[in-house]
Amino acid sequence: MSIRIRQLAVAGVVLSLGLAVAGCKERPFAERQESIGIAQVPAPVKATIDQQAQGRSVGEIEKKTNNGQTRYAVTLGSGNQKQELLIDEGGKVIATNAGEDDDD
């Protein structure tokens, strides 16, 4: 009977841990995204945005954090002048996507 109680106890602990992990709101390895304003970006990122905007309006800015790395997805302009940039924390443009309309 003692073995049966141990098995049930172990099963209960395993089930509890599984539920705790599944219910965690913070998953440290998952990508996190949040919309932010221009005033919330670091100075090097703001300088790059200002340089790349070339008079166009600054649209949505998303702060994306994944595996400890933070990047900023920025939308500049609109319509045919729309451009999307991915900028690292140091202000370096990592990727661009110009002129595509995703409003399908």
PDB file of N, CA and C in Angstrom:
ATOM      1  N   MET A   1       0.821  -1.197   0.000  1.00  0.00           N
ATOM      2  CA  MET A   1       0.000   0.000   0.000  1.00  0.00           C
ATOM      3  C   MET A   1       0.861   1.255   0.000  1.00  0.00           C
ATOM      4  N   SER A   2       1.993   1.221   0.633  1.00  0.00           N
ATOM      5  CA  SER A   2       2.912   2.353   0.694  1.00  0.00           C
ATOM      6  C   SER A   2       3.389   2.754  -0.702  1.00  0.00           C
ATOM      7  N   ILE A   3       3.619   1.763  -1.550  1.00  0.00           N
ATOM      8  CA  ILE A   3       4.069   2.047  -2.919  1.00  0.00           C
ATOM      9  C   ILE A   3       2.969   2.768  -3.692  1.00  0.00           C
ATOM     10  N   ARG A   4       1.749   2.370  -3.492  1.00  0.00           N
ATOM     11  CA  ARG A   4       0.608   2.993  -4.176  1.00  0.00           C
ATOM     12  C   ARG A   4       0.473   4.462  -3.775  1.00  0.00           C
ATOM     13  N   ILE A   5       0.660   4.770  -2.514  1.00  0.00           N
ATOM     14  CA  ILE A   5       0.577   6.152  -2.031  1.00  0.00           C
ATOM     15  C   ILE A   5       1.698   6.985  -2.639  1.00  0.00           C
ATOM     16  N   ARG A   6       2.888   6.425  -2.715  1.00  0.00           N
ATOM     17  CA  ARG A   6       4.014   7.148  -3.342  1.00  0.00           C
ATOM     18  C   ARG A   6       3.726   7.440  -4.806  1.00  0.00           C
ATOM     19  N   GLN A   7       3.191   6.466  -5.507  1.00  0.00           N
ATOM     20  CA  GLN A   7       2.875   6.654  -6.921  1.00  0.00           C
ATOM     21  C   GLN A   7       1.842   7.766  -7.100  1.00  0.00           C
ATOM     22  N   LEU A   8       0.833   7.773  -6.254  1.00  0.00           N
ATOM     23  CA  LEU A   8      -0.175   8.835  -6.332  1.00  0.00           C
ATOM     24  C   LEU A   8       0.421  10.190  -5.984  1.00  0.00           C
ATOM     25  N   ALA A   9       1.296  10.234  -5.003  1.00  0.00           N
ATOM     26  CA  ALA A   9       1.941  11.493  -4.617  1.00  0.00           C
ATOM     27  C   ALA A   9       2.805  12.024  -5.760  1.00  0.00           C
ATOM     28  N   VAL A  10       3.587  11.153  -6.381  1.00  0.00           N
ATOM     29  CA  VAL A  10       4.438  11.552  -7.503  1.00  0.00           C
ATOM     30  C   VAL A  10       3.570  12.037  -8.666  1.00  0.00           C
ATOM     31  N   ALA A  11       2.496  11.309  -8.948  1.00  0.00           N
ATOM     32  CA  ALA A  11       1.598  11.719 -10.024  1.00  0.00           C
ATOM     33  C   ALA A  11       0.980  13.082  -9.729  1.00  0.00           C
ATOM     34  N   GLY A  12       0.627  13.324  -8.471  1.00  0.00           N
ATOM     35  CA  GLY A  12       0.067  14.619  -8.082  1.00  0.00           C
ATOM     36  C   GLY A  12       1.064  15.751  -8.260  1.00  0.00           C
ATOM     37  N   VAL A  13       2.310  15.501  -7.877  1.00  0.00           N
ATOM     38  CA  VAL A  13       3.354  16.525  -8.027  1.00  0.00           C
ATOM     39  C   VAL A  13       3.598  16.814  -9.502  1.00  0.00           C
ATOM     40  N   VAL A  14       3.688  15.779 -10.314  1.00  0.00           N
ATOM     41  CA  VAL A  14       3.920  15.961 -11.748  1.00  0.00           C
ATOM     42  C   VAL A  14       2.761  16.734 -12.381  1.00  0.00           C
ATOM     43  N   LEU A  15       1.538  16.386 -12.013  1.00  0.00           N
ATOM     44  CA  LEU A  15       0.379  17.087 -12.541  1.00  0.00           C
ATOM     45  C   LEU A  15       0.383  18.550 -12.112  1.00  0.00           C
ATOM     46  N   SER A  16       0.712  18.813 -10.862  1.00  0.00           N
ATOM     47  CA  SER A  16       0.765  20.194 -10.359  1.00  0.00           C
ATOM     48  C   SER A  16       1.817  21.014 -11.095  1.00  0.00           C
ATOM     49  N   LEU A  17       2.993  20.434 -11.291  1.00  0.00           N
ATOM     50  CA  LEU A  17       4.048  21.146 -12.017  1.00  0.00           C
ATOM     51  C   LEU A  17       3.631  21.419 -13.459  1.00  0.00           C
ATOM     52  N   GLY A  18       2.994  20.446 -14.093  1.00  0.00           N
ATOM     53  CA  GLY A  18       2.524  20.635 -15.467  1.00  0.00           C
ATOM     54  C   GLY A  18       1.516  21.768 -15.567  1.00  0.00           C
ATOM     55  N   LEU A  19       0.583  21.819 -14.637  1.00  0.00           N
ATOM     56  CA  LEU A  19      -0.403  22.899 -14.635  1.00  0.00           C
ATOM     57  C   LEU A  19       0.243  24.246 -14.332  1.00  0.00           C
ATOM     58  N   ALA A  20       1.221  24.253 -13.443  1.00  0.00           N
ATOM     59  CA  ALA A  20       1.900  25.504 -13.106  1.00  0.00           C
ATOM     60  C   ALA A  20       2.645  26.049 -14.318  1.00  0.00           C
ATOM     61  N   VAL A  21       3.343  25.188 -15.032  1.00  0.00           N
ATOM     62  CA  VAL A  21       4.089  25.627 -16.217  1.00  0.00           C
ATOM     63  C   VAL A  21       3.134  26.090 -17.303  1.00  0.00           C
ATOM     64  N   ALA A  22       2.059  25.352 -17.519  1.00  0.00           N
ATOM     65  CA  ALA A  22       1.096  25.712 -18.560  1.00  0.00           C
ATOM     66  C   ALA A  22       0.383  27.019 -18.233  1.00  0.00           C
ATOM     67  N   GLY A  23       0.227  27.306 -16.967  1.00  0.00           N
ATOM     68  CA  GLY A  23      -0.501  28.504 -16.564  1.00  0.00           C
ATOM     69  C   GLY A  23       0.356  29.729 -16.365  1.00  0.00           C
ATOM     70  N   CYS A  24       1.647  29.607 -16.551  1.00  0.00           N
ATOM     71  CA  CYS A  24       2.533  30.761 -16.355  1.00  0.00           C
ATOM     72  C   CYS A  24       2.212  31.856 -17.353  1.00  0.00           C
ATOM     73  N   LYS A  25       2.091  33.077 -16.853  1.00  0.00           N
ATOM     74  CA  LYS A  25       1.849  34.200 -17.744  1.00  0.00           C
ATOM     75  C   LYS A  25       3.136  34.653 -18.408  1.00  0.00           C
ATOM     76  N   GLU A  26       4.233  34.520 -17.719  1.00  0.00           N
ATOM     77  CA  GLU A  26       5.524  34.920 -18.268  1.00  0.00           C
ATOM     78  C   GLU A  26       6.260  33.688 -18.760  1.00  0.00           C
ATOM     79  N   ARG A  27       6.484  33.623 -20.061  1.00  0.00           N
ATOM     80  CA  ARG A  27       7.277  32.552 -20.641  1.00  0.00           C
ATOM     81  C   ARG A  27       8.581  33.185 -21.085  1.00  0.00           C
ATOM     82  N   PRO A  28       9.673  32.920 -20.386  1.00  0.00           N
ATOM     83  CA  PRO A  28      10.907  33.652 -20.638  1.00  0.00           C
ATOM     84  C   PRO A  28      11.496  33.463 -22.031  1.00  0.00           C
ATOM     85  N   PHE A  29      11.158  32.392 -22.726  1.00  0.00           N
ATOM     86  CA  PHE A  29      11.754  32.168 -24.036  1.00  0.00           C
ATOM     87  C   PHE A  29      10.824  32.523 -25.179  1.00  0.00           C
ATOM     88  N   ALA A  30       9.624  32.943 -24.867  1.00  0.00           N
ATOM     89  CA  ALA A  30       8.670  33.319 -25.904  1.00  0.00           C
ATOM     90  C   ALA A  30       8.882  34.778 -26.300  1.00  0.00           C
ATOM     91  N   GLU A  31       8.599  35.078 -27.557  1.00  0.00           N
ATOM     92  CA  GLU A  31       8.705  36.459 -28.018  1.00  0.00           C
ATOM     93  C   GLU A  31       7.605  37.298 -27.382  1.00  0.00           C
ATOM     94  N   ARG A  32       7.986  38.471 -26.916  1.00  0.00           N
ATOM     95  CA  ARG A  32       7.018  39.405 -26.356  1.00  0.00           C
ATOM     96  C   ARG A  32       6.994  40.647 -27.229  1.00  0.00           C
ATOM     97  N   GLN A  33       5.795  41.171 -27.459  1.00  0.00           N
ATOM     98  CA  GLN A  33       5.627  42.361 -28.283  1.00  0.00           C
ATOM     99  C   GLN A  33       4.753  43.356 -27.552  1.00  0.00           C
ATOM    100  N   GLU A  34       5.090  44.631 -27.728  1.00  0.00           N
ATOM    101  CA  GLU A  34       4.225  45.677 -27.202  1.00  0.00           C
ATOM    102  C   GLU A  34       4.349  46.907 -28.083  1.00  0.00           C
ATOM    103  N   SER A  35       3.238  47.586 -28.275  1.00  0.00           N
ATOM    104  CA  SER A  35       3.250  48.841 -29.032  1.00  0.00           C
ATOM    105  C   SER A  35       3.723  49.951 -28.119  1.00  0.00           C
ATOM    106  N   ILE A  36       4.635  50.774 -28.632  1.00  0.00           N
ATOM    107  CA  ILE A  36       5.188  51.876 -27.840  1.00  0.00           C
ATOM    108  C   ILE A  36       5.204  53.142 -28.683  1.00  0.00           C
ATOM    109  N   GLY A  37       5.448  54.257 -28.033  1.00  0.00           N
ATOM    110  CA  GLY A  37       5.551  55.535 -28.718  1.00  0.00           C
ATOM    111  C   GLY A  37       7.000  55.887 -29.008  1.00  0.00           C
ATOM    112  N   ILE A  38       7.198  56.875 -29.843  1.00  0.00           N
ATOM    113  CA  ILE A  38       8.547  57.301 -30.230  1.00  0.00           C
ATOM    114  C   ILE A  38       9.359  57.757 -29.028  1.00  0.00           C
ATOM    115  N   ALA A  39       8.700  58.300 -28.012  1.00  0.00           N
ATOM    116  CA  ALA A  39       9.405  58.771 -26.820  1.00  0.00           C
ATOM    117  C   ALA A  39       9.958  57.621 -25.982  1.00  0.00           C
ATOM    118  N   GLN A  40       9.503  56.405 -26.222  1.00  0.00           N
ATOM    119  CA  GLN A  40       9.922  55.262 -25.425  1.00  0.00           C
ATOM    120  C   GLN A  40      11.072  54.471 -26.046  1.00  0.00           C
ATOM    121  N   VAL A  41      11.503  54.827 -27.245  1.00  0.00           N
ATOM    122  CA  VAL A  41      12.594  54.081 -27.868  1.00  0.00           C
ATOM    123  C   VAL A  41      13.934  54.666 -27.423  1.00  0.00           C
ATOM    124  N   PRO A  42      14.990  53.842 -27.391  1.00  0.00           N
ATOM    125  CA  PRO A  42      16.318  54.357 -27.035  1.00  0.00           C
ATOM    126  C   PRO A  42      16.801  55.396 -28.051  1.00  0.00           C
ATOM    127  N   ALA A  43      17.701  56.264 -27.618  1.00  0.00           N
ATOM    128  CA  ALA A  43      18.209  57.346 -28.476  1.00  0.00           C
ATOM    129  C   ALA A  43      18.769  56.858 -29.810  1.00  0.00           C
ATOM    130  N   PRO A  44      19.577  55.778 -29.857  1.00  0.00           N
ATOM    131  CA  PRO A  44      20.084  55.337 -31.166  1.00  0.00           C
ATOM    132  C   PRO A  44      18.975  54.892 -32.119  1.00  0.00           C
ATOM    133  N   VAL A  45      17.932  54.289 -31.578  1.00  0.00           N
ATOM    134  CA  VAL A  45      16.807  53.844 -32.399  1.00  0.00           C
ATOM    135  C   VAL A  45      16.037  55.056 -32.915  1.00  0.00           C
ATOM    136  N   LYS A  46      15.829  56.044 -32.052  1.00  0.00           N
ATOM    137  CA  LYS A  46      15.129  57.266 -32.467  1.00  0.00           C
ATOM    138  C   LYS A  46      15.901  57.989 -33.564  1.00  0.00           C
ATOM    139  N   ALA A  47      17.217  58.049 -33.427  1.00  0.00           N
ATOM    140  CA  ALA A  47      18.042  58.707 -34.445  1.00  0.00           C
ATOM    141  C   ALA A  47      17.904  58.004 -35.792  1.00  0.00           C
ATOM    142  N   THR A  48      17.881  56.680 -35.781  1.00  0.00           N
ATOM    143  CA  THR A  48      17.719  55.922 -37.027  1.00  0.00           C
ATOM    144  C   THR A  48      16.341  56.151 -37.622  1.00  0.00           C
ATOM    145  N   ILE A  49      15.306  56.157 -36.771  1.00  0.00           N
ATOM    146  CA  ILE A  49      13.951  56.411 -37.253  1.00  0.00           C
ATOM    147  C   ILE A  49      13.880  57.784 -37.909  1.00  0.00           C
ATOM    148  N   ASP A  50      14.429  58.795 -37.249  1.00  0.00           N
ATOM    149  CA  ASP A  50      14.414  60.159 -37.804  1.00  0.00           C
ATOM    150  C   ASP A  50      15.148  60.217 -39.138  1.00  0.00           C
ATOM    151  N   GLN A  51      16.285  59.542 -39.225  1.00  0.00           N
ATOM    152  CA  GLN A  51      17.074  59.539 -40.456  1.00  0.00           C
ATOM    153  C   GLN A  51      16.325  58.825 -41.585  1.00  0.00           C
ATOM    154  N   GLN A  52      15.717  57.688 -41.289  1.00  0.00           N
ATOM    155  CA  GLN A  52      15.031  56.895 -42.307  1.00  0.00           C
ATOM    156  C   GLN A  52      13.687  57.494 -42.717  1.00  0.00           C
ATOM    157  N   ALA A  53      13.046  58.230 -41.818  1.00  0.00           N
ATOM    158  CA  ALA A  53      11.710  58.777 -42.104  1.00  0.00           C
ATOM    159  C   ALA A  53      11.738  59.767 -43.259  1.00  0.00           C
ATOM    160  N   GLN A  54      12.756  60.584 -43.348  1.00  0.00           N
ATOM    161  CA  GLN A  54      12.902  61.564 -44.426  1.00  0.00           C
ATOM    162  C   GLN A  54      11.613  62.341 -44.659  1.00  0.00           C
ATOM    163  N   GLY A  55      11.024  62.842 -43.573  1.00  0.00           N
ATOM    164  CA  GLY A  55       9.823  63.659 -43.665  1.00  0.00           C
ATOM    165  C   GLY A  55       8.512  62.882 -43.640  1.00  0.00           C
ATOM    166  N   ARG A  56       8.585  61.560 -43.753  1.00  0.00           N
ATOM    167  CA  ARG A  56       7.359  60.756 -43.695  1.00  0.00           C
ATOM    168  C   ARG A  56       6.897  60.609 -42.251  1.00  0.00           C
ATOM    169  N   SER A  57       5.630  60.314 -42.087  1.00  0.00           N
ATOM    170  CA  SER A  57       5.094  60.130 -40.735  1.00  0.00           C
ATOM    171  C   SER A  57       5.583  58.803 -40.152  1.00  0.00           C
ATOM    172  N   VAL A  58       5.711  58.788 -38.831  1.00  0.00           N
ATOM    173  CA  VAL A  58       6.078  57.565 -38.117  1.00  0.00           C
ATOM    174  C   VAL A  58       4.786  56.933 -37.630  1.00  0.00           C
ATOM    175  N   GLY A  59       4.538  55.727 -38.080  1.00  0.00           N
ATOM    176  CA  GLY A  59       3.327  55.009 -37.689  1.00  0.00           C
ATOM    177  C   GLY A  59       3.578  54.180 -36.443  1.00  0.00           C
ATOM    178  N   GLU A  60       3.151  52.948 -36.484  1.00  0.00           N
ATOM    179  CA  GLU A  60       3.248  52.051 -35.340  1.00  0.00           C
ATOM    180  C   GLU A  60       4.696  51.653 -35.056  1.00  0.00           C
ATOM    181  N   ILE A  61       5.027  51.585 -33.776  1.00  0.00           N
ATOM    182  CA  ILE A  61       6.328  51.078 -33.332  1.00  0.00           C
ATOM    183  C   ILE A  61       6.045  49.923 -32.391  1.00  0.00           C
ATOM    184  N   GLU A  62       6.610  48.756 -32.701  1.00  0.00           N
ATOM    185  CA  GLU A  62       6.460  47.591 -31.841  1.00  0.00           C
ATOM    186  C   GLU A  62       7.812  47.208 -31.268  1.00  0.00           C
ATOM    187  N   LYS A  63       7.852  47.074 -29.958  1.00  0.00           N
ATOM    188  CA  LYS A  63       9.054  46.602 -29.271  1.00  0.00           C
ATOM    189  C   LYS A  63       8.936  45.088 -29.169  1.00  0.00           C
ATOM    190  N   LYS A  64       9.885  44.364 -29.758  1.00  0.00           N
ATOM    191  CA  LYS A  64       9.859  42.907 -29.778  1.00  0.00           C
ATOM    192  C   LYS A  64      11.068  42.377 -29.016  1.00  0.00           C
ATOM    193  N   THR A  65      10.809  41.554 -28.020  1.00  0.00           N
ATOM    194  CA  THR A  65      11.884  40.971 -27.231  1.00  0.00           C
ATOM    195  C   THR A  65      11.818  39.459 -27.380  1.00  0.00           C
ATOM    196  N   ASN A  66      12.949  38.861 -27.761  1.00  0.00           N
ATOM    197  CA  ASN A  66      13.023  37.422 -27.938  1.00  0.00           C
ATOM    198  C   ASN A  66      14.413  36.958 -27.525  1.00  0.00           C
ATOM    199  N   ASN A  67      14.455  36.008 -26.599  1.00  0.00           N
ATOM    200  CA  ASN A  67      15.723  35.461 -26.103  1.00  0.00           C
ATOM    201  C   ASN A  67      16.697  36.550 -25.661  1.00  0.00           C
ATOM    202  N   GLY A  68      16.189  37.551 -24.994  1.00  0.00           N
ATOM    203  CA  GLY A  68      17.036  38.610 -24.454  1.00  0.00           C
ATOM    204  C   GLY A  68      17.428  39.691 -25.441  1.00  0.00           C
ATOM    205  N   GLN A  69      17.020  39.564 -26.697  1.00  0.00           N
ATOM    206  CA  GLN A  69      17.340  40.579 -27.698  1.00  0.00           C
ATOM    207  C   GLN A  69      16.102  41.426 -27.974  1.00  0.00           C
ATOM    208  N   THR A  70      16.299  42.736 -27.975  1.00  0.00           N
ATOM    209  CA  THR A  70      15.189  43.645 -28.241  1.00  0.00           C
ATOM    210  C   THR A  70      15.370  44.274 -29.609  1.00  0.00           C
ATOM    211  N   ARG A  71      14.287  44.277 -30.361  1.00  0.00           N
ATOM    212  CA  ARG A  71      14.273  44.894 -31.687  1.00  0.00           C
ATOM    213  C   ARG A  71      13.022  45.735 -31.797  1.00  0.00           C
ATOM    214  N   TYR A  72      13.044  46.686 -32.714  1.00  0.00           N
ATOM    215  CA  TYR A  72      11.931  47.607 -32.893  1.00  0.00           C
ATOM    216  C   TYR A  72      11.447  47.530 -34.330  1.00  0.00           C
ATOM    217  N   ALA A  73      10.165  47.178 -34.509  1.00  0.00           N
ATOM    218  CA  ALA A  73       9.537  47.159 -35.830  1.00  0.00           C
ATOM    219  C   ALA A  73       8.813  48.487 -35.994  1.00  0.00           C
ATOM    220  N   VAL A  74       9.211  49.247 -37.011  1.00  0.00           N
ATOM    221  CA  VAL A  74       8.712  50.610 -37.193  1.00  0.00           C
ATOM    222  C   VAL A  74       8.071  50.735 -38.572  1.00  0.00           C
ATOM    223  N   THR A  75       6.897  51.349 -38.621  1.00  0.00           N
ATOM    224  CA  THR A  75       6.225  51.637 -39.885  1.00  0.00           C
ATOM    225  C   THR A  75       6.361  53.121 -40.174  1.00  0.00           C
ATOM    226  N   LEU A  76       6.878  53.428 -41.355  1.00  0.00           N
ATOM    227  CA  LEU A  76       7.051  54.818 -41.789  1.00  0.00           C
ATOM    228  C   LEU A  76       6.159  55.081 -42.987  1.00  0.00           C
ATOM    229  N   GLY A  77       5.563  56.278 -43.052  1.00  0.00           N
ATOM    230  CA  GLY A  77       4.759  56.681 -44.197  1.00  0.00           C
ATOM    231  C   GLY A  77       3.473  55.886 -44.321  1.00  0.00           C
ATOM    232  N   SER A  78       2.841  56.005 -45.483  1.00  0.00           N
ATOM    233  CA  SER A  78       1.594  55.288 -45.754  1.00  0.00           C
ATOM    234  C   SER A  78       1.447  55.101 -47.258  1.00  0.00           C
ATOM    235  N   GLY A  79       0.530  54.235 -47.644  1.00  0.00           N
ATOM    236  CA  GLY A  79       0.276  53.989 -49.061  1.00  0.00           C
ATOM    237  C   GLY A  79       1.510  53.511 -49.793  1.00  0.00           C
ATOM    238  N   ASN A  80       1.790  54.133 -50.956  1.00  0.00           N
ATOM    239  CA  ASN A  80       2.961  53.750 -51.752  1.00  0.00           C
ATOM    240  C   ASN A  80       4.277  54.127 -51.085  1.00  0.00           C
ATOM    241  N   GLN A  81       4.211  55.051 -50.147  1.00  0.00           N
ATOM    242  CA  GLN A  81       5.413  55.499 -49.445  1.00  0.00           C
ATOM    243  C   GLN A  81       5.659  54.731 -48.150  1.00  0.00           C
ATOM    244  N   LYS A  82       4.846  53.707 -47.900  1.00  0.00           N
ATOM    245  CA  LYS A  82       4.960  52.950 -46.656  1.00  0.00           C
ATOM    246  C   LYS A  82       6.217  52.089 -46.654  1.00  0.00           C
ATOM    247  N   GLN A  83       6.911  52.102 -45.513  1.00  0.00           N
ATOM    248  CA  GLN A  83       8.114  51.298 -45.345  1.00  0.00           C
ATOM    249  C   GLN A  83       8.126  50.749 -43.931  1.00  0.00           C
ATOM    250  N   GLU A  84       8.529  49.497 -43.796  1.00  0.00           N
ATOM    251  CA  GLU A  84       8.661  48.887 -42.490  1.00  0.00           C
ATOM    252  C   GLU A  84      10.130  48.580 -42.238  1.00  0.00           C
ATOM    253  N   LEU A  85      10.589  48.933 -41.043  1.00  0.00           N
ATOM    254  CA  LEU A  85      11.978  48.719 -40.658  1.00  0.00           C
ATOM    255  C   LEU A  85      12.040  47.837 -39.430  1.00  0.00           C
ATOM    256  N   LEU A  86      13.099  47.047 -39.329  1.00  0.00           N
ATOM    257  CA  LEU A  86      13.400  46.326 -38.106  1.00  0.00           C
ATOM    258  C   LEU A  86      14.756  46.843 -37.640  1.00  0.00           C
ATOM    259  N   ILE A  87      14.783  47.422 -36.436  1.00  0.00           N
ATOM    260  CA  ILE A  87      15.965  48.118 -35.923  1.00  0.00           C
ATOM    261  C   ILE A  87      16.397  47.467 -34.610  1.00  0.00           C
ATOM    262  N   ASP A  88      17.708  47.241 -34.454  1.00  0.00           N
ATOM    263  CA  ASP A  88      18.187  46.681 -33.191  1.00  0.00           C
ATOM    264  C   ASP A  88      18.383  47.790 -32.162  1.00  0.00           C
ATOM    265  N   GLU A  89      18.736  47.421 -30.928  1.00  0.00           N
ATOM    266  CA  GLU A  89      18.870  48.395 -29.841  1.00  0.00           C
ATOM    267  C   GLU A  89      19.946  49.446 -30.094  1.00  0.00           C
ATOM    268  N   GLY A  90      20.933  49.107 -30.920  1.00  0.00           N
ATOM    269  CA  GLY A  90      22.005  50.038 -31.225  1.00  0.00           C
ATOM    270  C   GLY A  90      21.675  51.010 -32.342  1.00  0.00           C
ATOM    271  N   GLY A  91      20.489  50.851 -32.948  1.00  0.00           N
ATOM    272  CA  GLY A  91      20.076  51.753 -34.014  1.00  0.00           C
ATOM    273  C   GLY A  91      20.382  51.248 -35.412  1.00  0.00           C
ATOM    274  N   LYS A  92      20.881  50.022 -35.532  1.00  0.00           N
ATOM    275  CA  LYS A  92      21.209  49.461 -36.842  1.00  0.00           C
ATOM    276  C   LYS A  92      19.951  48.879 -37.487  1.00  0.00           C
ATOM    277  N   VAL A  93      19.719  49.228 -38.765  1.00  0.00           N
ATOM    278  CA  VAL A  93      18.591  48.670 -39.516  1.00  0.00           C
ATOM    279  C   VAL A  93      18.956  47.237 -39.894  1.00  0.00           C
ATOM    280  N   ILE A  94      18.145  46.292 -39.415  1.00  0.00           N
ATOM    281  CA  ILE A  94      18.394  44.874 -39.662  1.00  0.00           C
ATOM    282  C   ILE A  94      17.668  44.411 -40.919  1.00  0.00           C
ATOM    283  N   ALA A  95      16.454  44.926 -41.134  1.00  0.00           N
ATOM    284  CA  ALA A  95      15.662  44.523 -42.300  1.00  0.00           C
ATOM    285  C   ALA A  95      14.716  45.649 -42.683  1.00  0.00           C
ATOM    286  N   THR A  96      14.365  45.678 -43.973  1.00  0.00           N
ATOM    287  CA  THR A  96      13.386  46.651 -44.464  1.00  0.00           C
ATOM    288  C   THR A  96      12.382  45.933 -45.348  1.00  0.00           C
ATOM    289  N   ASN A  97      11.208  46.534 -45.451  1.00  0.00           N
ATOM    290  CA  ASN A  97      10.154  46.018 -46.310  1.00  0.00           C
ATOM    291  C   ASN A  97       9.455  47.239 -46.857  1.00  0.00           C
ATOM    292  N   ALA A  98       9.801  47.651 -48.069  1.00  0.00           N
ATOM    293  CA  ALA A  98       9.297  48.907 -48.618  1.00  0.00           C
ATOM    294  C   ALA A  98       8.199  48.684 -49.641  1.00  0.00           C
ATOM    295  N   GLY A  99       7.170  49.570 -49.564  1.00  0.00           N
ATOM    296  CA  GLY A  99       6.174  49.657 -50.611  1.00  0.00           C
ATOM    297  C   GLY A  99       5.155  48.547 -50.704  1.00  0.00           C
ATOM    298  N   GLU A 100       5.118  47.598 -49.756  1.00  0.00           N
ATOM    299  CA  GLU A 100       4.126  46.534 -49.815  1.00  0.00           C
ATOM    300  C   GLU A 100       2.927  46.924 -48.970  1.00  0.00           C
ATOM    301  N   ASP A 101       1.758  46.715 -49.510  1.00  0.00           N
ATOM    302  CA  ASP A 101       0.527  47.048 -48.793  1.00  0.00           C
ATOM    303  C   ASP A 101      -0.048  45.788 -48.198  1.00  0.00           C
ATOM    304  N   ASP A 102      -0.121  45.700 -46.848  1.00  0.00           N
ATOM    305  CA  ASP A 102      -0.605  44.492 -46.194  1.00  0.00           C
ATOM    306  C   ASP A 102      -2.050  44.626 -45.735  1.00  0.00           C
ATOM    307  N   ASP A 103      -2.811  45.505 -46.327  1.00  0.00           N
ATOM    308  CA  ASP A 103      -4.205  45.721 -45.953  1.00  0.00           C
ATOM    309  C   ASP A 103      -5.163  44.834 -46.728  1.00  0.00           C
ATOM    310  N   ASP A 104      -4.693  43.702 -47.274  1.00  0.00           N
ATOM    311  CA  ASP A 104      -5.528  42.824 -48.105  1.00  0.00           C
ATOM    312  C   ASP A 104      -6.733  42.345 -47.356  1.00  0.00           C
TER     313      ASP A 104
END
